[in-house]
Amino acid sequence: MLLKDLTKQEINSAEGDGPDGVDTLNISGLTADSRAVEPGFVFAALKGAKVDGAQFIEQAVDAGAAAILIDADRLSDDIRKQAKQVPLIAAQDARRELALMAAAFSGKQPEKMVAVTGTAGKTSVAVFVRQIFEYAGLVSASLGTIGTVTSTGQSYGGLTTPDPVSLHEDLKRLAEDGITHAALEASSHGLDQHRLDGVRLVAAGFTNLGRDHMDYHPTVEDYLQAKLRLFRDLLPDDGVVVVDPETQFADRVLAIAEERGLKTFTTGVFGDDLKVLSVQPEGFSQVLELETAEGVFSVALPLAGDFQVSNALIAAGLAISAGVELQTVLEALTVLRGAPGRIEHVGTRENGALVFVDYAHKPEALENVLTALRPFAAGRLISVLGCGGDRDAGKRPLMGEISARLADVSIVTDDNPRTEDPDKIREEIVAACPAALEIGDRALAIRQAVKMLQEGDVLCVAGKGHETGQIVGTEVLPFSDHEEIQKALAEASAENGDSSVAEADLSEISLDLDEMDLLADEGDELAAAEVLDDDDLLAAVQAGVEELEATLPENPDDERDQEEEDWLALEEDVLGADDLADAELADVESHDPDFGKDGFPNVAEDTPDALEDELLGDLAAIEAEAEAEAEAEAEAEAEEKVEADADAESAPAPEEETNADADAFLADEGLEEVAPKVAEDVSQSTQPDEQDSTEALGGLPASEEPVETAETAAFEGKTEEKPKLKSAIDKPEWTIVPHINLLDPDIKSEYERQMIELPEIDRGPLWLLNDFLEAVDGDVYGDLSDDVTGISIDSRVIQPGEAFFAIKGENFDGHAFAGTAVEAGAAVAVVARDKLAELPEGGRYVAVDDVLQALERLGVAARARSKARIIAVTGSVGKTGTKEALRLCLSKSGITHAPVASFNNHWGVPLTLARMHADTEFGIFEIGMNHRGEITPLVKMVRPHVAIVTTVEPVHLEAFNSVEDIARAKAEIFSGIEKGGVAILNRDNRQYDLLRYLAAVAGVRNIVSFGMRPGAQSIAKKVAANPDCSCLNANILGQEISYKIGAPGAHHVINSLGVLTGVMELGANLAFAGLALAEMSAPKGRGAQTVLDVNGGTALLVDESYNANPASMRAAIELVAGLPVAKNGRRIAVLGDMLELGADSDKLHADLARELERAKIDVVYCVGTHMKVLWDLLPAQTRGAYSETSDKLEKDLLSEVRPNDIVMVKGSLGTCMGPLVDALKKRFPEPAATGKS
């Protein structure tokens, strides 16, 4: 092609050539890469951000370049010298001129082309347009991030907007192959760099604009202006602008259309051409009622989410503008499918576990993906992730933290390491994801992840999506997540003797994550997902994916931070040549440069052992300490037996959870103050203004309402006003102040002075006799004349005037002790009618059909008459400890009622209710369960204003298939919350997202969170951990407070945040509650510390002997690891069997070997047949002694303890580790000056 036919720009003839020579110059090709120059080519010497193409003019000339294209303002004698005899084309904008020349050189393009731009949604819209064209019988293609897709197949790996030469070559090839219609994605980079100039468009669409690519665009306005080029400069005068007027910045697009006189096609609620009259969800589709120029139509769109309605209608407008009939377009909308690489289902294991790939390579995108998939993982959610090299390192710990928080298993592997050390990249991710399995080989990581999939699991392989290459060093190596997953599925199936591999139908199943929005009501989807088959579950996932995360920014993945454009620019950049897209190579995402500097311990191991590890024991450090409370609640049973079965009395066998709470709060008079250094650490720079007036001191006023948060509003749409939660006592109105610093002695003293001393008053009878009889609803026998002073189910401890309920248990019948109770002074015994004849004559009885139901009726009556503010607590662990902490804190603000033990089951809850006085101001109730459906009737009795879920953990799974099932059972507590009430959730817990979701489904409008993780509304800002206490500075729902907890351990820190959040929500005094927490201490058997007098020195005994399970065992080991050891001292662990672990018992015991090694435990003693597995794995230098029973170990242990040692004793109750603790205390009594236990 002649040069004069390619450009209208000025051509500077070289010396010795006349005009005729230039006019007849034939051009054989175009390029901006000097290394690709061939004889007869035009070389475009473009100036990039890092490299200037003018440096390679001489190299291009030597290679045979026929002409040089350069910006006119850069033409100089030096450039002419380099060009030698070669003509120079001086253009006002060389980039734009290159695009126009490429269009002229290629010549052919599809007849009808449309383009779409926007931050999110481009890929979906382009794909939708192509599908509509195909439905209309047109031979079509879509070009963009996922490559070029045509009727002949798909090429994985592409560019949002290719360089102009490649783009026009592709368009020519498509036209020659018979493609008549095409849809293109237009990125801001491509538009700014003129890559689409010369493309002949008939229409252009705009989706949205978010804050993205601020590394390339200095301002949002600059970013917008790049987008607007599509409408201002590239769309021809007869083109059509397609936009939803409701979209932000749509007015700017429409203003350009009006200025240029362009036709417009508007969609959406405020559109004129495809106007949305209504949207009705129907299953996992949406039925749209659309008003058009041809009438009103009903269209069933098989995609969920408001954003997909917008994307589909923009695509429809583009297709109509390209000449497709309206009726055909509307029909095509009913069969649309999402785009590949966006939560794309690529396979299913024979056990039903689902495998997805996703393009997520940024923190917000990864959080979106994992959050979307979480509710649909009946088992575990497994995440495979990595980060690219030569890119923003700040996002690495962010992505690690997200995976650690949202996935049950994290596998950190390589993405595109480029020229960075891949080990270093993984290390930076693992720093925030310490429980991760680290496998550098991406193929091996995928195989391991697929291999470990169990029934109900979901695997997400994130980061590369549709890409078919991996950049290692300066090479692009062939690699496809899709292919590796299929290989892994085949291998896994072969190992299980199943030759079939359930592969995804890529044309049918594809979930889009362009721009996720959260619908206010998600209940139907989750409820359905629990009972759906695989196909329906995939549809449910699609609905959940597209409706989650409205509070997060729109997904920017349609414009990957130049990683999708590297495939062109990499070679130029690495070798220092002219770089067409060099301005985009740096991935400079905004991030906190200080994130992760404190670091997390990197404990991942890239070893064969680690590959076999199912990671059951590897939780994040904070979660591990929180699980220190995961002790079996056999103590609760023992306490209940005091009033129930222990003396062959009346109570039924306990059925509540047996998870002991290792954080019961007791007074600790020995800890009055904290070290000045600690106080200074958490309080400096946050001192309150000096004021003499006590008005400056305060907590949340009794009438103060917590501020609505975006997190809550995301579930609500519009938040229902929360009723004021007031304390019934007369107390001053407290105001929120800058800082309640209870570590400051003066401020602490002032609050103590203000604390109200509750007077000792005669509260009168618990129940007036008539009220009691009315509630119980039975027949009276004998002389009943006294009011009821209390309720009892244990004749051994009954007091005169109390009512005795003869409950029938599994082993004993309370009716056998009813006569004894009456003789002891009981005002009345409530008995069953069919047992009345068996009872001693002359007694005071009320006969009912069912004694337990009568107790329930009395409990309901107690709740009905009460004006107290009620808080209920549930969770896998921590219920009793949280309940006791609430009792301690709330009792400083008013008359407080709580169960005397862990009365959290079907009889314990109504018993606690029945014992609540009418004048109670704060009521605290603990609710447990062993099976699904047990919490619902109990919480309906309690009707709490506030409910706390402490945590959900994999402890005692006998009745459940997964931890998620446990979470769903715990979530029953939301069904009983009073209207306008509050759900308080642990933000650190892995089930947080599911619990929050279920709370919203239950209609709870006020959902708040606590924890250590970013995003918690009550969060610890600084923590100073001491061996015997913790001090922290926290923000509780907007109120800053510094306080001391009188017991050590991160689990106490986290629990205190939930407790103080409950205090705030109940309208009690936060400062008084903070003071109360200083009175806590770890109880006997659950972390109590005792100083032992050992041979003239001292040793420290940590008594964890009450119970054990894998979670609490890990936490106890971690606690010991954090205790300082004096010179020559050792850390000694005395470990007994963890019982009731079922088939996994050996593995769970063996897993402790790694925990002990990490904690640097010096000597280990093992007790029990299960612990023999661990004993056999211990290195010789660590072994102390082994015995099947604890009594035979006593002699060896007592002879081993030396001064400065730390000895921790822990095991299940049935292992009888308590006697070892007693023996240590007896042999080495406490020094006279101490009294820590």
Foldseek 3Di string as FASTA:
>chain_A
DQPVQLDPFDKAAFPPDDPVVNRRQAADEEDCFLVPAAARYEHEQPCDPFFTQLVCLLSSVVRHYQEYEYAQVPDDPVSSVSNHRHMYGHDPARLQSSLSSLLSVLVAAAAAEEEEEELFLRQFLQQLLQLLCVLLVAFEWEDAQQGIQTPVGGDGFHHLQAASNVVSNVRSVCVVVPHRYGYHYDYLLCLVSNSCNSPAHQEYEYQAYDPDPCLQPVDSVSSVVSVLCCQQPHHDLAHEYEYACVHPPVVVNVVSCVVSVYHYFYEECPTDAWHWPDWDDDQLWIWTFTQHPVGTDTATANFAAPSVVSSLVSSLVRNVSSPRDNVSSRVSRNQDDGDFQCQFFWFAAPLGATETEHQDAFLVSLLLVLLLCQLLQQFWEEEEDFHEALADLQRQCSNLLSCQQAGPAYEYEYAAPAQHDRVVRSQSNCQNNQLYAYAHPSLVSLLLVLLLDHRRYYYYYYNHTRHQWHHDHLDTHGHDPSVSNVVSSCVNCVVVVHRDIGTDPRVRAHAHQRFAAADLALQVLSVVSVPDHSVSVSSSSNNSSRHDDNVDGTDSVSRPQCPSVCVPFSVCVVVSHRGSSNSRPYHDDDHDPCPQPVTHDRNHDNDPVSSPDPSQQRHGLLVLLLCLQQFFQVVLQVVVCVQDPPVLAFHARDFFTGGGGQQAWFFFVVCDADDPVQLCVFCPPQDFDDDPDPLQDFFAFQFDDFDDDPVLCSNHVDFDDFHRQGFPDDADGHDFHSEQECNPVVSVVSVVVRQDDDDDDDLDAQFAPVLLCVLLVFAKDADQDAGARAEGQHLVPDAARHEHQQHHYPRHTNQVCQQSSQVRHYSEYEEAPVCVVVHDPRGTYTYDNHRLVSLLSLLLSLLVLAPAAEEEEEESGDQNNLLNLLCLQCVSFFAEFEQPGLLAFSRSLSNSSNGDGRDHHYYYYYHGHDEAPGRQVSLLSRQHLEYEYSEQDPDNCPHHDHSVRVLVRVLSNLLRHDVSGEYEYESSYNCRSVSVSSNSNSVHSHYAYFYDDPPHQKHWPDWDFDLQWIWTWIAQSNHTYIAIARGGTSSLVRSVSSSLNVCVSNSGISSSSRHSRNRTYRDALSFFWAWFCFPNAIEIETRVAAGDDLSSVLSVLQSLLPHDFDPPAFEEEEEEQHPDPPPCLLVSLCVVQSSCVVSRHQEYEYEAPSNVSNVVVHDPRHYQYYYPADVVCLVSVLVPDHHRYYYYYYHHNVRPRVVSVVSRCVVTPGDPVDDRD
